[in-house]
Each structure stands twice: as structure tokens, then as C-alpha cells.
PDB file of N, CA and C in Angstrom:
ATOM      1  N   MET A   1      -5.450  -2.198 -39.967  1.00  0.00           N
ATOM      2  CA  MET A   1      -4.972  -3.652 -40.002  1.00  0.00           C
ATOM      3  C   MET A   1      -4.240  -3.627 -38.830  1.00  0.00           C
ATOM      4  N   VAL A   2      -3.673  -2.818 -38.315  1.00  0.00           N
ATOM      5  CA  VAL A   2      -2.937  -2.779 -36.956  1.00  0.00           C
ATOM      6  C   VAL A   2      -4.006  -3.392 -35.623  1.00  0.00           C
ATOM      7  N   LYS A   3      -5.141  -2.467 -35.857  1.00  0.00           N
ATOM      8  CA  LYS A   3      -6.037  -2.708 -34.695  1.00  0.00           C
ATOM      9  C   LYS A   3      -6.396  -4.113 -34.853  1.00  0.00           C
ATOM     10  N   ARG A   4      -6.917  -4.631 -36.001  1.00  0.00           N
ATOM     11  CA  ARG A   4      -7.263  -6.231 -36.229  1.00  0.00           C
ATOM     12  C   ARG A   4      -6.224  -7.107 -35.237  1.00  0.00           C
ATOM     13  N   ALA A   5      -4.719  -7.148 -36.063  1.00  0.00           N
ATOM     14  CA  ALA A   5      -4.061  -7.785 -35.331  1.00  0.00           C
ATOM     15  C   ALA A   5      -4.169  -7.691 -33.637  1.00  0.00           C
ATOM     16  N   GLY A   6      -4.136  -6.338 -33.228  1.00  0.00           N
ATOM     17  CA  GLY A   6      -4.133  -6.494 -31.656  1.00  0.00           C
ATOM     18  C   GLY A   6      -5.469  -7.120 -30.893  1.00  0.00           C
ATOM     19  N   LEU A   7      -6.213  -7.022 -31.998  1.00  0.00           N
ATOM     20  CA  LEU A   7      -7.750  -7.880 -31.464  1.00  0.00           C
ATOM     21  C   LEU A   7      -7.183  -9.409 -31.419  1.00  0.00           C
ATOM     22  N   GLN A   8      -6.772  -9.748 -32.483  1.00  0.00           N
ATOM     23  CA  GLN A   8      -6.582 -11.489 -32.730  1.00  0.00           C
ATOM     24  C   GLN A   8      -5.334 -11.664 -31.605  1.00  0.00           C
ATOM     25  N   ALA A   9      -4.501 -10.938 -31.357  1.00  0.00           N
ATOM     26  CA  ALA A   9      -3.226 -11.169 -30.236  1.00  0.00           C
ATOM     27  C   ALA A   9      -4.268 -11.168 -28.998  1.00  0.00           C
ATOM     28  N   ARG A  10      -4.984 -10.742 -28.816  1.00  0.00           N
ATOM     29  CA  ARG A  10      -5.809 -10.315 -27.188  1.00  0.00           C
ATOM     30  C   ARG A  10      -6.768 -11.588 -27.324  1.00  0.00           C
ATOM     31  N   SER A  11      -7.527 -11.849 -28.555  1.00  0.00           N
ATOM     32  CA  SER A  11      -8.031 -13.101 -28.458  1.00  0.00           C
ATOM     33  C   SER A  11      -7.360 -14.450 -28.341  1.00  0.00           C
ATOM     34  N   ALA A  12      -6.364 -14.181 -29.018  1.00  0.00           N
ATOM     35  CA  ALA A  12      -5.516 -15.585 -28.692  1.00  0.00           C
ATOM     36  C   ALA A  12      -4.960 -15.644 -26.750  1.00  0.00           C
ATOM     37  N   SER A  13      -4.726 -14.620 -26.392  1.00  0.00           N
ATOM     38  CA  SER A  13      -4.159 -14.626 -24.795  1.00  0.00           C
ATOM     39  C   SER A  13      -5.439 -14.834 -24.261  1.00  0.00           C
ATOM     40  N   VAL A  14      -6.402 -14.231 -24.272  1.00  0.00           N
ATOM     41  CA  VAL A  14      -7.680 -14.375 -23.547  1.00  0.00           C
ATOM     42  C   VAL A  14      -8.132 -16.316 -23.698  1.00  0.00           C
ATOM     43  N   LYS A  15      -8.263 -16.699 -24.827  1.00  0.00           N
ATOM     44  CA  LYS A  15      -8.271 -18.277 -25.118  1.00  0.00           C
ATOM     45  C   LYS A  15      -7.499 -19.325 -24.390  1.00  0.00           C
ATOM     46  N   ALA A  16      -6.099 -18.590 -24.521  1.00  0.00           N
ATOM     47  CA  ALA A  16      -4.859 -19.405 -23.837  1.00  0.00           C
ATOM     48  C   ALA A  16      -5.293 -19.207 -22.391  1.00  0.00           C
ATOM     49  N   ALA A  17      -5.953 -18.171 -21.624  1.00  0.00           N
ATOM     50  CA  ALA A  17      -5.915 -18.051 -20.036  1.00  0.00           C
ATOM     51  C   ALA A  17      -6.895 -19.171 -20.081  1.00  0.00           C
ATOM     52  N   MET A  18      -8.092 -18.894 -20.548  1.00  0.00           N
ATOM     53  CA  MET A  18      -9.430 -19.713 -20.011  1.00  0.00           C
ATOM     54  C   MET A  18      -9.145 -21.170 -20.195  1.00  0.00           C
ATOM     55  N   GLU A  19      -8.432 -21.689 -21.430  1.00  0.00           N
ATOM     56  CA  GLU A  19      -7.624 -23.242 -21.289  1.00  0.00           C
ATOM     57  C   GLU A  19      -6.613 -23.394 -19.879  1.00  0.00           C
ATOM     58  N   ALA A  20      -5.855 -22.218 -19.551  1.00  0.00           N
ATOM     59  CA  ALA A  20      -5.156 -23.072 -18.456  1.00  0.00           C
ATOM     60  C   ALA A  20      -6.029 -22.890 -17.411  1.00  0.00           C
ATOM     61  N   GLY A  21      -7.224 -22.028 -17.293  1.00  0.00           N
ATOM     62  CA  GLY A  21      -7.917 -22.051 -15.924  1.00  0.00           C
ATOM     63  C   GLY A  21      -9.102 -23.462 -16.217  1.00  0.00           C
ATOM     64  N   ARG A  22      -9.018 -24.174 -16.972  1.00  0.00           N
ATOM     65  CA  ARG A  22      -9.946 -25.277 -17.185  1.00  0.00           C
ATOM     66  C   ARG A  22      -9.006 -26.337 -16.508  1.00  0.00           C
ATOM     67  N   ASP A  23      -7.568 -26.486 -17.020  1.00  0.00           N
ATOM     68  CA  ASP A  23      -6.629 -27.360 -16.047  1.00  0.00           C
ATOM     69  C   ASP A  23      -6.917 -27.906 -14.868  1.00  0.00           C
ATOM     70  N   LYS A  24      -7.075 -26.898 -14.348  1.00  0.00           N
ATOM     71  CA  LYS A  24      -7.372 -26.920 -12.482  1.00  0.00           C
ATOM     72  C   LYS A  24      -8.374 -27.660 -12.135  1.00  0.00           C
ATOM     73  N   ASP A  25      -8.383 -28.400 -10.860  1.00  0.00           N
ATOM     74  CA  ASP A  25      -9.671 -29.023 -10.313  1.00  0.00           C
ATOM     75  C   ASP A  25     -10.867 -27.941  -9.918  1.00  0.00           C
ATOM     76  N   PRO A  26     -11.689 -28.227  -9.995  1.00  0.00           N
ATOM     77  CA  PRO A  26     -12.604 -27.218  -9.687  1.00  0.00           C
ATOM     78  C   PRO A  26     -12.888 -27.406  -7.996  1.00  0.00           C
ATOM     79  N   PRO A  27     -13.047 -26.443  -7.195  1.00  0.00           N
ATOM     80  CA  PRO A  27     -13.386 -26.277  -6.275  1.00  0.00           C
ATOM     81  C   PRO A  27     -14.175 -27.240  -5.431  1.00  0.00           C
ATOM     82  N   LYS A  28     -13.898 -27.781  -4.006  1.00  0.00           N
ATOM     83  CA  LYS A  28     -15.313 -28.819  -3.812  1.00  0.00           C
ATOM     84  C   LYS A  28     -15.823 -28.146  -2.375  1.00  0.00           C
ATOM     85  N   GLY A  29     -17.115 -28.346  -2.628  1.00  0.00           N
ATOM     86  CA  GLY A  29     -17.950 -28.019  -1.664  1.00  0.00           C
ATOM     87  C   GLY A  29     -18.455 -26.343  -1.812  1.00  0.00           C
ATOM     88  N   LYS A  30     -19.256 -25.979  -0.527  1.00  0.00           N
ATOM     89  CA  LYS A  30     -19.774 -24.720  -1.017  1.00  0.00           C
ATOM     90  C   LYS A  30     -18.838 -23.766  -0.841  1.00  0.00           C
ATOM     91  N   PRO A  31     -19.147 -22.774  -1.523  1.00  0.00           N
ATOM     92  CA  PRO A  31     -17.531 -21.189  -1.521  1.00  0.00           C
ATOM     93  C   PRO A  31     -18.125 -20.882  -0.251  1.00  0.00           C
ATOM     94  N   VAL A  32     -17.114 -20.266   0.462  1.00  0.00           N
ATOM     95  CA  VAL A  32     -16.879 -19.144   1.852  1.00  0.00           C
ATOM     96  C   VAL A  32     -16.731 -18.066   1.207  1.00  0.00           C
ATOM     97  N   LEU A  33     -17.971 -16.903   1.678  1.00  0.00           N
ATOM     98  CA  LEU A  33     -17.592 -15.899   1.466  1.00  0.00           C
ATOM     99  C   LEU A  33     -16.862 -15.139   2.080  1.00  0.00           C
ATOM    100  N   GLN A  34     -16.100 -13.966   1.924  1.00  0.00           N
ATOM    101  CA  GLN A  34     -15.224 -13.199   2.173  1.00  0.00           C
ATOM    102  C   GLN A  34     -15.409 -11.862   1.696  1.00  0.00           C
ATOM    103  N   THR A  35     -15.562 -10.921   2.598  1.00  0.00           N
ATOM    104  CA  THR A  35     -14.935  -9.719   2.036  1.00  0.00           C
ATOM    105  C   THR A  35     -13.556  -8.914   1.782  1.00  0.00           C
ATOM    106  N   VAL A  36     -13.549  -8.161   0.734  1.00  0.00           N
ATOM    107  CA  VAL A  36     -12.486  -7.904   0.589  1.00  0.00           C
ATOM    108  C   VAL A  36     -12.321  -6.062   0.449  1.00  0.00           C
ATOM    109  N   ARG A  37     -11.520  -5.537   1.578  1.00  0.00           N
ATOM    110  CA  ARG A  37     -11.407  -4.435   1.267  1.00  0.00           C
ATOM    111  C   ARG A  37     -10.186  -4.014   0.678  1.00  0.00           C
ATOM    112  N   LEU A  38     -11.016  -2.914  -0.212  1.00  0.00           N
ATOM    113  CA  LEU A  38      -9.662  -2.314  -1.141  1.00  0.00           C
ATOM    114  C   LEU A  38      -9.544  -0.756  -0.925  1.00  0.00           C
ATOM    115  N   ASP A  39      -8.280  -0.127  -0.686  1.00  0.00           N
ATOM    116  CA  ASP A  39      -8.508   1.462  -0.652  1.00  0.00           C
ATOM    117  C   ASP A  39      -8.746   1.802  -2.131  1.00  0.00           C
ATOM    118  N   PRO A  40      -9.382   3.063  -2.745  1.00  0.00           N
ATOM    119  CA  PRO A  40      -9.780   3.539  -3.625  1.00  0.00           C
ATOM    120  C   PRO A  40      -8.734   3.097  -5.143  1.00  0.00           C
ATOM    121  N   GLU A  41      -7.660   3.562  -4.766  1.00  0.00           N
ATOM    122  CA  GLU A  41      -6.527   3.629  -5.675  1.00  0.00           C
ATOM    123  C   GLU A  41      -6.351   1.834  -6.344  1.00  0.00           C
ATOM    124  N   ARG A  42      -6.469   1.186  -5.576  1.00  0.00           N
ATOM    125  CA  ARG A  42      -6.490  -0.218  -5.892  1.00  0.00           C
ATOM    126  C   ARG A  42      -7.666  -0.767  -6.298  1.00  0.00           C
ATOM    127  N   HIS A  43      -8.912  -0.335  -5.849  1.00  0.00           N
ATOM    128  CA  HIS A  43      -9.992  -0.442  -6.526  1.00  0.00           C
ATOM    129  C   HIS A  43     -10.166  -0.353  -8.260  1.00  0.00           C
ATOM    130  N   GLU A  44      -9.733   0.917  -8.273  1.00  0.00           N
ATOM    131  CA  GLU A  44      -9.536   1.566  -9.556  1.00  0.00           C
ATOM    132  C   GLU A  44      -8.683   0.765 -10.641  1.00  0.00           C
ATOM    133  N   LEU A  45      -7.750   0.622  -9.980  1.00  0.00           N
ATOM    134  CA  LEU A  45      -6.629  -0.320 -10.935  1.00  0.00           C
ATOM    135  C   LEU A  45      -7.317  -1.824 -11.259  1.00  0.00           C
ATOM    136  N   LEU A  46      -7.959  -2.749 -10.371  1.00  0.00           N
ATOM    137  CA  LEU A  46      -8.438  -3.707 -10.365  1.00  0.00           C
ATOM    138  C   LEU A  46      -9.648  -3.821 -11.401  1.00  0.00           C
ATOM    139  N   ARG A  47     -10.602  -2.598 -11.116  1.00  0.00           N
ATOM    140  CA  ARG A  47     -11.361  -2.289 -12.150  1.00  0.00           C
ATOM    141  C   ARG A  47     -10.867  -2.455 -13.746  1.00  0.00           C
ATOM    142  N   THR A  48     -10.116  -1.153 -13.849  1.00  0.00           N
ATOM    143  CA  THR A  48      -9.503  -1.022 -14.861  1.00  0.00           C
ATOM    144  C   THR A  48      -8.864  -2.175 -15.879  1.00  0.00           C
ATOM    145  N   ILE A  49      -7.879  -3.056 -15.160  1.00  0.00           N
ATOM    146  CA  ILE A  49      -7.325  -4.352 -15.352  1.00  0.00           C
ATOM    147  C   ILE A  49      -8.588  -5.109 -15.944  1.00  0.00           C
ATOM    148  N   ALA A  50      -9.705  -5.341 -14.979  1.00  0.00           N
ATOM    149  CA  ALA A  50     -10.763  -6.168 -15.341  1.00  0.00           C
ATOM    150  C   ALA A  50     -11.273  -5.909 -16.757  1.00  0.00           C
ATOM    151  N   PHE A  51     -11.495  -4.599 -16.993  1.00  0.00           N
ATOM    152  CA  PHE A  51     -12.194  -3.842 -18.177  1.00  0.00           C
ATOM    153  C   PHE A  51     -11.692  -4.492 -19.191  1.00  0.00           C
ATOM    154  N   HIS A  52      -9.974  -4.364 -19.083  1.00  0.00           N
ATOM    155  CA  HIS A  52      -9.538  -4.265 -20.552  1.00  0.00           C
ATOM    156  C   HIS A  52      -9.075  -6.013 -20.726  1.00  0.00           C
ATOM    157  N   GLU A  53      -9.106  -6.604 -19.459  1.00  0.00           N
ATOM    158  CA  GLU A  53      -8.403  -7.839 -19.647  1.00  0.00           C
ATOM    159  C   GLU A  53      -9.972  -8.775 -20.184  1.00  0.00           C
ATOM    160  N   ARG A  54     -11.515  -8.200 -20.377  1.00  0.00           N
ATOM    161  CA  ARG A  54     -12.963  -8.451 -20.129  1.00  0.00           C
ATOM    162  C   ARG A  54     -12.920  -9.889 -19.277  1.00  0.00           C
ATOM    163  N   VAL A  55     -12.637  -9.663 -17.886  1.00  0.00           N
ATOM    164  CA  VAL A  55     -12.500 -10.834 -17.242  1.00  0.00           C
ATOM    165  C   VAL A  55     -13.501 -10.250 -15.999  1.00  0.00           C
ATOM    166  N   SER A  56     -13.606 -10.840 -14.846  1.00  0.00           N
ATOM    167  CA  SER A  56     -14.564 -10.150 -14.078  1.00  0.00           C
ATOM    168  C   SER A  56     -13.605  -9.893 -13.013  1.00  0.00           C
ATOM    169  N   MET A  57     -13.639  -9.146 -11.988  1.00  0.00           N
ATOM    170  CA  MET A  57     -12.756  -8.532 -10.609  1.00  0.00           C
ATOM    171  C   MET A  57     -12.498 -10.007  -9.951  1.00  0.00           C
ATOM    172  N   HIS A  58     -13.620 -10.360  -9.930  1.00  0.00           N
ATOM    173  CA  HIS A  58     -13.409 -11.912  -8.814  1.00  0.00           C
ATOM    174  C   HIS A  58     -12.424 -12.672  -9.270  1.00  0.00           C
ATOM    175  N   SER A  59     -12.583 -13.205 -10.807  1.00  0.00           N
ATOM    176  CA  SER A  59     -11.669 -13.921 -11.081  1.00  0.00           C
ATOM    177  C   SER A  59     -10.359 -13.370 -11.019  1.00  0.00           C
ATOM    178  N   LEU A  60     -10.204 -12.191 -10.914  1.00  0.00           N
ATOM    179  CA  LEU A  60      -8.805 -11.333 -10.756  1.00  0.00           C
ATOM    180  C   LEU A  60      -7.979 -11.731  -9.295  1.00  0.00           C
ATOM    181  N   LEU A  61      -9.260 -11.306  -8.465  1.00  0.00           N
ATOM    182  CA  LEU A  61      -8.915 -11.653  -7.005  1.00  0.00           C
ATOM    183  C   LEU A  61      -8.481 -13.210  -6.591  1.00  0.00           C
ATOM    184  N   ILE A  62      -9.314 -14.080  -7.281  1.00  0.00           N
ATOM    185  CA  ILE A  62      -9.073 -15.550  -7.323  1.00  0.00           C
ATOM    186  C   ILE A  62      -7.432 -15.508  -7.825  1.00  0.00           C
ATOM    187  N   GLU A  63      -7.126 -15.210  -9.047  1.00  0.00           N
ATOM    188  CA  GLU A  63      -5.817 -15.669  -9.407  1.00  0.00           C
ATOM    189  C   GLU A  63      -4.654 -14.748  -8.278  1.00  0.00           C
ATOM    190  N   GLY A  64      -5.248 -14.123  -7.739  1.00  0.00           N
ATOM    191  CA  GLY A  64      -4.261 -13.325  -6.811  1.00  0.00           C
ATOM    192  C   GLY A  64      -4.218 -14.108  -5.693  1.00  0.00           C
ATOM    193  N   VAL A  65      -5.295 -15.136  -4.890  1.00  0.00           N
ATOM    194  CA  VAL A  65      -4.990 -15.526  -3.904  1.00  0.00           C
ATOM    195  C   VAL A  65      -4.209 -16.633  -4.302  1.00  0.00           C
ATOM    196  N   ASP A  66      -4.693 -17.559  -5.492  1.00  0.00           N
ATOM    197  CA  ASP A  66      -3.962 -18.676  -6.058  1.00  0.00           C
ATOM    198  C   ASP A  66      -2.377 -18.481  -6.165  1.00  0.00           C
ATOM    199  N   MET A  67      -1.846 -17.399  -6.585  1.00  0.00           N
ATOM    200  CA  MET A  67      -0.500 -16.787  -6.660  1.00  0.00           C
ATOM    201  C   MET A  67      -0.277 -17.018  -5.260  1.00  0.00           C
ATOM    202  N   VAL A  68      -0.595 -16.184  -4.267  1.00  0.00           N
ATOM    203  CA  VAL A  68      -0.027 -16.103  -2.602  1.00  0.00           C
ATOM    204  C   VAL A  68      -0.198 -17.596  -2.260  1.00  0.00           C
ATOM    205  N   LEU A  69      -1.353 -18.552  -2.373  1.00  0.00           N
ATOM    206  CA  LEU A  69      -1.207 -19.892  -1.885  1.00  0.00           C
ATOM    207  C   LEU A  69       0.147 -20.898  -2.467  1.00  0.00           C
ATOM    208  N   ALA A  70       0.358 -20.594  -3.775  1.00  0.00           N
ATOM    209  CA  ALA A  70       1.290 -21.223  -4.376  1.00  0.00           C
ATOM    210  C   ALA A  70       2.789 -20.832  -3.831  1.00  0.00           C
ATOM    211  N   LYS A  71       3.073 -19.308  -3.490  1.00  0.00           N
ATOM    212  CA  LYS A  71       4.043 -18.955  -2.861  1.00  0.00           C
ATOM    213  C   LYS A  71       4.301 -19.685  -1.751  1.00  0.00           C
ATOM    214  N   HIS A  72       3.370 -19.840  -0.959  1.00  0.00           N
ATOM    215  CA  HIS A  72       3.771 -20.094   0.723  1.00  0.00           C
ATOM    216  C   HIS A  72       3.390 -21.803   0.576  1.00  0.00           C
ATOM    217  N   LYS A  73       3.453 -22.885  -0.357  1.00  0.00           N
ATOM    218  CA  LYS A  73       3.344 -24.120  -0.066  1.00  0.00           C
ATOM    219  C   LYS A  73       4.298 -24.750   0.201  1.00  0.00           C
TER     220      LYS A  73
END
């Protein structure tokens, strides 16, 4: 039962994150392509987080960019 409770909690947090993401206005215009160069350690950490959170690495990078932009408003 412990595993099931953990899965339900994770599912609830993923749903909450998805709902929060829907509140944002969608970007306008054509996306600009940007290369991000990561050292192997950061790349592996990002991959691990993406795997465990069941999200894409891209969405994590966008979340980080949004945090930096909000900090510098």
C-alpha cells in the first residue's frame, strides 16, 4: 500500500503542475531555437529529474528560464 500511496501523491503533484502550466499565456510567434551546452554532470542530473518527474528535459529548461526571467522583472 505504501507504493500505491506514493504513486497517488506523485500523480496528484503532476496534475497540479500541469494545471499550473495551463494558466500561462501560450507564447506568441514562431519559437526561436537556442542551443544549450551542459557539462556532463548537469546533463545527467537534468535527465534524472526529467525521468523521475515524467516530464521532458525541454520543459525543465523552460521552467528554469521562466524562473530567471521572473527574478529579473
